[in-house]
Amino acid sequence: MRPPTWLYVPAPKLPELLAKAAASADAVVIDLEDAVHPDHRPAARRLLQECLTELDVPVDVRINAVGSPDFYLDLEALGPVASLLSGVRIPKVETPAEAQAAASALVGLFDGPRLVCQLESARGVSQALGIAAVAGVQSVMLGEADLRADLGVPRDDDAGLALARQAVVLASRAAGLERPIGSVYANIDDDEGLRRSSILLRSFGFHGRSCIHPRQVPIVRDVFTPSAVDLAWAADVVSASLELGEESSAAVKLADGSFVDPAIIRQASEILGHRQVQG
């Protein structure tokens, strides 16, 4: 299971920010795309190779889009550090063919699925299931800033993103992938807005969220961490599930009157697993 909080680090800032980011969040995303001026990308690639060492947290790298001049240059830069990476984020994926091209390009670098496809347009979201089903895709997620612009959704309104968010969660699960990580919240000074937005993402089935500033990490972690009540319920369910085998029953009743069946046990096990990932 992928960790719930991911903190972006612009590649040009790696010398001063990488260690701090790894100490702040559950995982790190090194950005070679939006956070880097095209003229500075060659230097950013060199910094990636010079600064990235084995860390105690997973590390993704976001490279440039399939078909862009920087795509293959970014891939070449990943070669010496590939063993240190948990994933490669590809922005602006719109079709299964683009996902397949990216997955094929990664084959020589990794021994398993590492491709994280960011869907940032109506076309990409409409193809979510096909993209998620491509061999080599580890997960799919939204790039909501570009998606808002494409759909005409106001920057301070989440309602217009509801269908796209549900689509990426459904596509992930239908393709057998883990639940997705949510896109960033752009206003780093709006703590309450971040909390509300993160609670909404969790209600849609997202597993966690990317952050663009360390101050956002504790809020996101708090929202996506199972509460003490959730953990106690999950432990009771797993304990009660042992009775199913003893009684050859398909369901058993908890002390509060609710019934436990295999689907409920699966949900409880995921809650306990979420705690283990963070712990």
Protein backbone atom coordinates (compact mmCIF):
# COMPACT_ATOMS: atom_id res chain seq x y z
CA MET A 1 0.00 0.00 0.00
CA ARG A 2 1.36 3.43 -0.97
CA PRO A 3 1.87 5.91 1.90
CA PRO A 4 -0.81 8.58 2.50
CA THR A 5 1.25 11.81 2.50
CA TRP A 6 3.55 12.76 -0.41
CA LEU A 7 5.56 16.00 -0.41
CA TYR A 8 6.72 17.58 -3.67
CA VAL A 9 10.32 18.79 -3.93
CA PRO A 10 11.37 20.81 -7.00
CA ALA A 11 14.47 19.16 -8.45
CA PRO A 12 16.51 22.42 -8.42
CA LYS A 13 15.92 22.61 -4.63
CA LEU A 14 17.09 19.07 -3.85
CA PRO A 15 20.32 20.02 -2.04
CA GLU A 16 18.49 22.06 0.60
CA LEU A 17 15.05 20.40 0.73
CA LEU A 18 15.31 16.66 0.07
CA ALA A 19 16.34 15.56 3.57
CA LYS A 20 13.84 17.92 5.19
CA ALA A 21 11.03 16.62 2.98
CA ALA A 22 11.88 13.00 3.76
CA ALA A 23 11.75 13.83 7.47
CA SER A 24 8.40 15.60 7.14
CA ALA A 25 6.24 13.36 4.96
CA ASP A 26 5.58 9.66 4.47
CA ALA A 27 6.98 9.89 0.94
CA VAL A 28 8.59 12.35 -1.47
CA VAL A 29 7.93 13.39 -5.08
CA ILE A 30 10.87 14.97 -6.90
CA ASP A 31 9.51 17.21 -9.64
CA LEU A 32 11.23 17.58 -13.00
CA GLU A 33 8.14 18.97 -14.71
CA ASP A 34 6.06 22.00 -13.65
CA ALA A 35 8.47 23.14 -10.94
CA VAL A 36 11.43 23.39 -13.34
CA HIS A 37 11.90 25.96 -16.10
CA PRO A 38 12.72 24.17 -19.37
CA ASP A 39 16.09 25.93 -19.55
CA HIS A 40 17.01 24.58 -16.10
CA ARG A 41 16.04 20.93 -16.64
CA PRO A 42 19.52 19.70 -17.65
CA ALA A 43 20.92 21.03 -14.37
CA ALA A 44 17.93 19.61 -12.48
CA ARG A 45 18.61 16.14 -13.90
CA ARG A 46 22.21 16.33 -12.74
CA LEU A 47 21.07 17.33 -9.26
CA LEU A 48 18.71 14.35 -9.18
CA GLN A 49 21.63 12.01 -9.80
CA GLU A 50 23.94 13.82 -7.39
CA CYS A 51 21.55 14.31 -4.46
CA LEU A 52 19.29 11.26 -4.43
CA THR A 53 20.53 8.62 -2.03
CA GLU A 54 18.69 5.84 -0.24
CA LEU A 55 16.08 7.37 2.06
CA ASP A 56 13.82 5.95 4.75
CA VAL A 57 10.71 6.92 2.74
CA PRO A 58 9.50 6.04 -0.77
CA VAL A 59 10.51 8.43 -3.56
CA ASP A 60 8.69 9.10 -6.82
CA VAL A 61 9.99 11.30 -9.62
CA ARG A 62 7.59 13.26 -11.81
CA ILE A 63 9.06 13.54 -15.28
CA ASN A 64 7.75 15.28 -18.39
CA ALA A 65 4.90 14.08 -20.56
CA VAL A 66 5.11 11.31 -23.14
CA GLY A 67 6.00 12.81 -26.51
CA SER A 68 7.63 15.92 -25.07
CA PRO A 69 11.29 16.65 -25.90
CA ASP A 70 12.20 16.20 -22.22
CA PHE A 71 10.55 12.78 -21.77
CA TYR A 72 13.44 10.62 -22.96
CA LEU A 73 16.05 12.95 -21.45
CA ASP A 74 14.30 12.54 -18.09
CA LEU A 75 14.19 8.76 -18.51
CA GLU A 76 17.90 8.70 -19.25
CA ALA A 77 18.55 10.65 -16.05
CA LEU A 78 16.56 8.10 -14.02
CA GLY A 79 18.83 5.22 -15.01
CA PRO A 80 21.54 5.67 -12.34
CA VAL A 81 18.96 6.20 -9.54
CA ALA A 82 16.21 3.80 -10.65
CA SER A 83 16.87 1.38 -7.78
CA LEU A 84 16.06 4.18 -5.32
CA LEU A 85 12.64 4.98 -6.79
CA SER A 86 9.20 3.74 -5.79
CA GLY A 87 7.46 5.21 -8.84
CA VAL A 88 7.62 7.48 -11.87
CA ARG A 89 4.81 9.98 -12.30
CA ILE A 90 3.89 10.83 -15.88
CA PRO A 91 1.75 13.98 -16.29
CA LYS A 92 -0.96 14.68 -18.84
CA VAL A 93 -1.70 11.07 -19.78
CA GLU A 94 -4.79 11.04 -22.00
CA THR A 95 -4.99 7.61 -23.63
CA PRO A 96 -4.11 3.97 -22.93
CA ALA A 97 -1.66 4.20 -25.85
CA GLU A 98 0.27 6.97 -24.06
CA ALA A 99 0.27 4.93 -20.85
CA GLN A 100 1.53 1.91 -22.79
CA ALA A 101 4.30 3.96 -24.39
CA ALA A 102 5.41 5.21 -21.00
CA ALA A 103 5.22 1.75 -19.42
CA SER A 104 7.26 0.28 -22.26
CA ALA A 105 9.90 2.97 -21.85
CA LEU A 106 10.27 2.05 -18.17
CA VAL A 107 10.69 -1.69 -18.73
CA GLY A 108 14.47 -1.57 -18.76
CA LEU A 109 14.64 0.45 -15.56
CA PHE A 110 12.42 -1.49 -13.16
CA ASP A 111 11.47 -5.08 -12.46
CA GLY A 112 7.83 -4.30 -11.63
CA PRO A 113 5.07 -1.71 -12.19
CA ARG A 114 6.32 1.78 -11.36
CA LEU A 115 4.21 3.99 -13.63
CA VAL A 116 1.92 6.54 -11.97
CA CYS A 117 -0.35 8.17 -14.57
CA GLN A 118 -1.65 11.67 -13.88
CA LEU A 119 -4.93 12.45 -15.65
CA GLU A 120 -5.24 16.19 -16.20
CA SER A 121 -7.93 16.64 -18.85
CA ALA A 122 -11.47 15.58 -19.65
CA ARG A 123 -10.08 13.26 -22.29
CA GLY A 124 -7.74 11.62 -19.79
CA VAL A 125 -10.47 11.14 -17.18
CA SER A 126 -12.80 9.67 -19.81
CA GLN A 127 -10.10 7.06 -20.54
CA ALA A 128 -9.31 6.34 -16.87
CA LEU A 129 -10.27 2.67 -16.87
CA GLY A 130 -8.32 1.88 -20.03
CA ILE A 131 -5.27 3.72 -18.70
CA ALA A 132 -5.46 1.98 -15.31
CA ALA A 133 -5.67 -1.42 -17.01
CA VAL A 134 -2.37 -1.01 -18.92
CA ALA A 135 0.29 -3.47 -17.76
CA GLY A 136 3.03 -1.63 -15.88
CA VAL A 137 0.71 1.00 -14.41
CA GLN A 138 1.11 1.11 -10.64
CA SER A 139 -1.54 3.74 -9.97
CA VAL A 140 -3.54 6.57 -11.51
CA MET A 141 -4.31 9.98 -10.07
CA LEU A 142 -5.65 13.37 -11.04
CA GLY A 143 -3.75 16.54 -11.82
CA GLU A 144 -6.48 18.89 -10.66
CA ALA A 145 -4.99 22.27 -11.55
CA ASP A 146 -4.92 21.44 -15.26
CA LEU A 147 -8.21 19.57 -15.00
CA ARG A 148 -9.93 22.61 -13.48
CA ALA A 149 -8.72 24.73 -16.37
CA ASP A 150 -9.90 22.18 -18.93
CA LEU A 151 -13.35 21.82 -17.34
CA GLY A 152 -13.79 25.47 -16.35
CA VAL A 153 -14.18 24.59 -12.66
CA PRO A 154 -13.56 27.59 -10.33
CA ARG A 155 -10.38 27.32 -8.29
CA ASP A 156 -12.25 27.51 -4.98
CA ASP A 157 -15.00 25.00 -5.83
CA ASP A 158 -14.61 21.22 -5.56
CA ALA A 159 -18.13 20.32 -6.71
CA GLY A 160 -17.20 20.33 -10.38
CA LEU A 161 -14.46 17.75 -9.77
CA ALA A 162 -16.72 15.18 -8.09
CA LEU A 163 -17.32 13.05 -11.17
CA ALA A 164 -13.63 13.02 -12.15
CA ARG A 165 -12.59 12.08 -8.63
CA GLN A 166 -15.07 9.24 -8.45
CA ALA A 167 -14.03 8.09 -11.93
CA VAL A 168 -10.36 7.73 -10.97
CA VAL A 169 -11.22 5.83 -7.78
CA LEU A 170 -13.56 3.48 -9.64
CA ALA A 171 -11.04 2.96 -12.45
CA SER A 172 -8.28 2.16 -9.97
CA ARG A 173 -10.28 -0.45 -8.13
CA ALA A 174 -11.81 -1.93 -11.29
CA ALA A 175 -8.30 -2.44 -12.67
CA GLY A 176 -7.11 -4.04 -9.43
CA LEU A 177 -4.93 -1.08 -8.41
CA GLU A 178 -4.71 0.51 -4.98
CA ARG A 179 -6.94 3.43 -4.16
CA PRO A 180 -5.46 6.63 -5.61
CA ILE A 181 -3.56 9.50 -4.00
CA GLY A 182 -5.31 12.87 -4.21
CA SER A 183 -3.99 15.91 -6.03
CA VAL A 184 -2.41 18.87 -4.23
CA TYR A 185 -4.27 21.71 -2.49
CA ALA A 186 -2.77 24.86 -3.98
CA ASN A 187 -3.33 27.37 -1.14
CA ILE A 188 -0.65 26.65 1.45
CA ASP A 189 -2.04 29.25 3.89
CA ASP A 190 -5.58 27.83 3.98
CA ASP A 191 -5.35 25.10 6.60
CA GLU A 192 -9.09 24.78 7.10
CA GLY A 193 -9.72 24.60 3.37
CA LEU A 194 -7.09 21.88 3.07
CA ARG A 195 -8.75 19.90 5.86
CA ARG A 196 -12.22 20.19 4.32
CA SER A 197 -10.94 19.25 0.89
CA SER A 198 -8.99 16.27 2.27
CA ILE A 199 -12.02 15.00 4.20
CA LEU A 200 -13.97 15.17 0.96
CA LEU A 201 -11.26 13.22 -0.89
CA ARG A 202 -11.29 10.55 1.79
CA SER A 203 -15.07 10.26 1.47
CA PHE A 204 -14.62 9.52 -2.24
CA GLY A 205 -12.22 6.68 -1.46
CA PHE A 206 -8.81 8.31 -1.89
CA HIS A 207 -5.99 6.83 0.16
CA GLY A 208 -3.99 10.00 0.79
CA ARG A 209 -2.83 13.22 -0.81
CA SER A 210 0.15 15.02 -2.34
CA CYS A 211 1.36 18.19 -0.63
CA ILE A 212 3.35 21.19 -1.84
CA HIS A 213 4.49 22.51 1.57
CA PRO A 214 5.55 20.78 4.80
CA ARG A 215 2.89 22.62 6.81
CA GLN A 216 0.22 20.73 4.84
CA VAL A 217 1.56 17.29 5.77
CA PRO A 218 0.25 17.04 9.38
CA ILE A 219 -3.25 18.03 8.29
CA VAL A 220 -3.36 15.53 5.45
CA ARG A 221 -1.88 12.80 7.64
CA ASP A 222 -4.46 13.48 10.35
CA VAL A 223 -7.38 13.28 7.92
CA PHE A 224 -6.24 10.04 6.31
CA THR A 225 -5.14 8.34 9.54
CA PRO A 226 -7.83 6.02 10.95
CA SER A 227 -9.23 7.42 14.20
CA ALA A 228 -9.04 5.59 17.52
CA VAL A 229 -12.72 4.73 17.07
CA ASP A 230 -12.07 3.33 13.59
CA LEU A 231 -9.14 1.26 14.83
CA ALA A 232 -11.09 -0.13 17.77
CA TRP A 233 -13.97 -1.08 15.46
CA ALA A 234 -11.58 -2.73 13.00
CA ALA A 235 -9.90 -4.73 15.77
CA ASP A 236 -13.31 -5.91 17.03
CA VAL A 237 -14.29 -6.96 13.52
CA VAL A 238 -11.11 -8.93 12.93
CA SER A 239 -11.50 -10.58 16.33
CA ALA A 240 -15.13 -11.45 15.63
CA SER A 241 -14.18 -12.82 12.23
CA LEU A 242 -12.46 -15.73 13.93
CA GLU A 243 -15.91 -16.92 14.98
CA LEU A 244 -16.97 -17.24 11.35
CA GLY A 245 -14.65 -20.17 10.83
CA GLU A 246 -15.61 -21.78 14.13
CA GLU A 247 -19.33 -21.53 13.47
CA SER A 248 -19.19 -22.12 9.69
CA SER A 249 -21.27 -18.98 9.35
CA ALA A 250 -21.22 -16.22 6.75
CA ALA A 251 -21.83 -13.49 9.34
CA VAL A 252 -21.48 -12.79 13.04
CA LYS A 253 -22.91 -10.01 15.22
CA LEU A 254 -20.82 -7.48 17.15
CA ALA A 255 -21.71 -6.21 20.63
CA ASP A 256 -23.21 -3.03 19.13
CA GLY A 257 -25.67 -5.07 17.07
CA SER A 258 -23.97 -4.66 13.70
CA PHE A 259 -23.22 -7.71 11.61
CA VAL A 260 -19.81 -8.74 10.33
CA ASP A 261 -19.50 -10.49 6.99
CA PRO A 262 -16.53 -10.99 4.61
CA ALA A 263 -16.94 -7.53 3.03
CA ILE A 264 -16.85 -5.85 6.45
CA ILE A 265 -13.81 -7.91 7.43
CA ARG A 266 -12.03 -6.74 4.29
CA GLN A 267 -12.74 -3.10 5.18
CA ALA A 268 -11.52 -3.60 8.75
CA SER A 269 -8.33 -5.28 7.58
CA GLU A 270 -7.61 -2.35 5.27
CA ILE A 271 -8.01 0.12 8.17
CA LEU A 272 -5.52 -1.83 10.26
CA GLY A 273 -3.19 -2.11 7.25
CA HIS A 274 -3.34 1.68 6.78
CA ARG A 275 -2.07 2.14 10.33
CA GLN A 276 0.82 -0.25 9.68
CA VAL A 277 1.88 1.67 6.56
CA GLN A 278 2.12 4.89 8.58
CA GLY A 279 3.67 3.26 11.61
